[in-house]
Amino acid sequence: MPVDLETYERFLLAEKRAKELGLSVIEVLDRAQLLLTKQRRHHLQVQAIEDVTRRLDRQSPNKLMSHYYQRVDGTPAEMFSALQRWFEAVVRNYANETLEDL
C-alpha cells in the first residue's frame, strides 16, 4: 500500500528534525506517531474498543429494537440479533470512514 502524501510529508519533516536536533530518525518518527510499535498498536486497539463501548452506552434496548424490529419489545434472541446488527453497522461504517465522531 503506498503512503499517502500527508504521511510522506510528515516523514520528511520528522527526518529533517532528526538531523537538526541530532536525534535518531526512529526516535523522531516514534514521537511523531509515524511508527506502529507494539505499544502504540495496543493503545490504538484499546481506544477502538473504548469508542465502541461509549457508543453502546448511548444506545438503549428500546432504541435498538425499534430501529431493527420497528417495535420496542421482543425476545432475548431478537435483542441479541439487534445488538449484533448494530455492532456490524458500527464496524462497517468505521471501515468505510463514515462513522460520526462522538
Protein backbone atom coordinates (compact mmCIF):
# COMPACT_ATOMS: atom_id res chain seq x y z
CA MET A 1 0.00 0.00 0.00
CA PRO A 2 1.50 3.35 -0.96
CA VAL A 3 1.97 6.02 1.68
CA ASP A 4 -0.40 8.96 1.36
CA LEU A 5 1.06 12.41 0.67
CA GLU A 6 0.30 13.80 4.14
CA THR A 7 2.10 10.93 5.86
CA TYR A 8 5.05 11.21 3.50
CA GLU A 9 5.33 14.93 4.21
CA ARG A 10 5.20 14.22 7.95
CA PHE A 11 8.01 11.69 7.45
CA LEU A 12 10.15 14.23 5.59
CA LEU A 13 9.59 16.79 8.34
CA ALA A 14 10.49 14.24 11.03
CA GLU A 15 13.61 13.24 9.10
CA LYS A 16 14.63 16.90 8.83
CA ARG A 17 14.01 17.50 12.54
CA ALA A 18 16.06 14.45 13.47
CA LYS A 19 19.05 15.81 11.54
CA GLU A 20 18.62 19.31 13.00
CA LEU A 21 18.33 18.02 16.59
CA GLY A 22 20.93 15.27 16.26
CA LEU A 23 18.39 12.59 17.20
CA SER A 24 17.81 9.21 15.63
CA VAL A 25 15.21 9.15 12.89
CA ILE A 26 13.46 6.25 14.65
CA GLU A 27 13.04 8.28 17.84
CA VAL A 28 11.61 11.28 15.99
CA LEU A 29 9.29 9.10 13.91
CA ASP A 30 8.01 7.47 17.09
CA ARG A 31 7.40 10.86 18.74
CA ALA A 32 5.50 11.96 15.62
CA GLN A 33 3.39 8.78 15.88
CA LEU A 34 4.57 7.60 12.49
CA LEU A 35 5.67 4.17 13.73
CA LEU A 36 3.30 1.41 14.68
CA THR A 37 5.10 -0.03 17.67
CA LYS A 38 3.68 -2.88 19.72
CA GLN A 39 2.75 -0.41 22.47
CA ARG A 40 1.13 2.04 20.03
CA ARG A 41 -0.85 -0.77 18.34
CA HIS A 42 -2.14 -1.89 21.73
CA HIS A 43 -3.09 1.71 22.60
CA LEU A 44 -5.00 2.09 19.30
CA GLN A 45 -6.83 -1.19 19.85
CA VAL A 46 -7.84 -0.16 23.37
CA GLN A 47 -9.04 3.22 22.03
CA ALA A 48 -11.16 1.50 19.39
CA ILE A 49 -12.78 -0.81 21.94
CA GLU A 50 -13.41 2.10 24.30
CA ASP A 51 -15.02 4.04 21.44
CA VAL A 52 -17.42 1.18 20.68
CA THR A 53 -18.22 0.90 24.40
CA ARG A 54 -19.06 4.62 24.58
CA ARG A 55 -21.26 4.28 21.51
CA LEU A 56 -23.04 1.30 23.04
CA ASP A 57 -23.58 3.26 26.27
CA ARG A 58 -25.55 5.82 24.24
CA GLN A 59 -27.92 3.12 22.97
CA SER A 60 -30.82 1.52 24.74
CA PRO A 61 -32.58 -1.80 24.20
CA ASN A 62 -35.71 0.10 23.12
CA LYS A 63 -33.77 2.14 20.54
CA LEU A 64 -32.12 -0.95 19.09
CA MET A 65 -35.34 -2.95 18.96
CA SER A 66 -37.22 -0.03 17.47
CA HIS A 67 -34.58 0.52 14.80
CA TYR A 68 -34.16 -3.11 13.75
CA TYR A 69 -37.60 -4.55 14.50
CA GLN A 70 -39.88 -1.48 14.46
CA ARG A 71 -41.07 -2.32 17.97
CA VAL A 72 -39.62 -1.85 21.44
CA ASP A 73 -40.17 -5.30 22.89
CA GLY A 74 -39.01 -8.73 21.84
CA THR A 75 -37.26 -11.89 22.84
CA PRO A 76 -33.72 -12.06 24.20
CA ALA A 77 -32.69 -13.65 20.89
CA GLU A 78 -34.12 -10.68 18.97
CA MET A 79 -32.33 -8.26 21.28
CA PHE A 80 -29.07 -10.14 20.73
CA SER A 81 -29.64 -10.07 16.98
CA ALA A 82 -30.35 -6.32 17.08
CA LEU A 83 -27.13 -5.78 19.03
CA GLN A 84 -25.17 -7.85 16.51
CA ARG A 85 -26.63 -5.86 13.63
CA TRP A 86 -25.81 -2.59 15.40
CA PHE A 87 -22.23 -3.73 16.01
CA GLU A 88 -21.83 -4.83 12.38
CA ALA A 89 -23.07 -1.38 11.26
CA VAL A 90 -20.53 0.32 13.53
CA VAL A 91 -17.70 -1.82 12.15
CA ARG A 92 -18.81 -1.31 8.53
CA ASN A 93 -19.07 2.48 8.96
CA TYR A 94 -15.71 2.60 10.74
CA ALA A 95 -14.12 0.66 7.86
CA ASN A 96 -15.73 2.99 5.32
CA GLU A 97 -14.67 6.06 7.35
CA THR A 98 -18.29 7.18 7.58
CA LEU A 99 -18.68 6.80 11.34
CA GLU A 100 -19.55 10.05 13.07
CA ASP A 101 -17.31 11.27 15.87
CA LEU A 102 -18.59 11.08 19.41
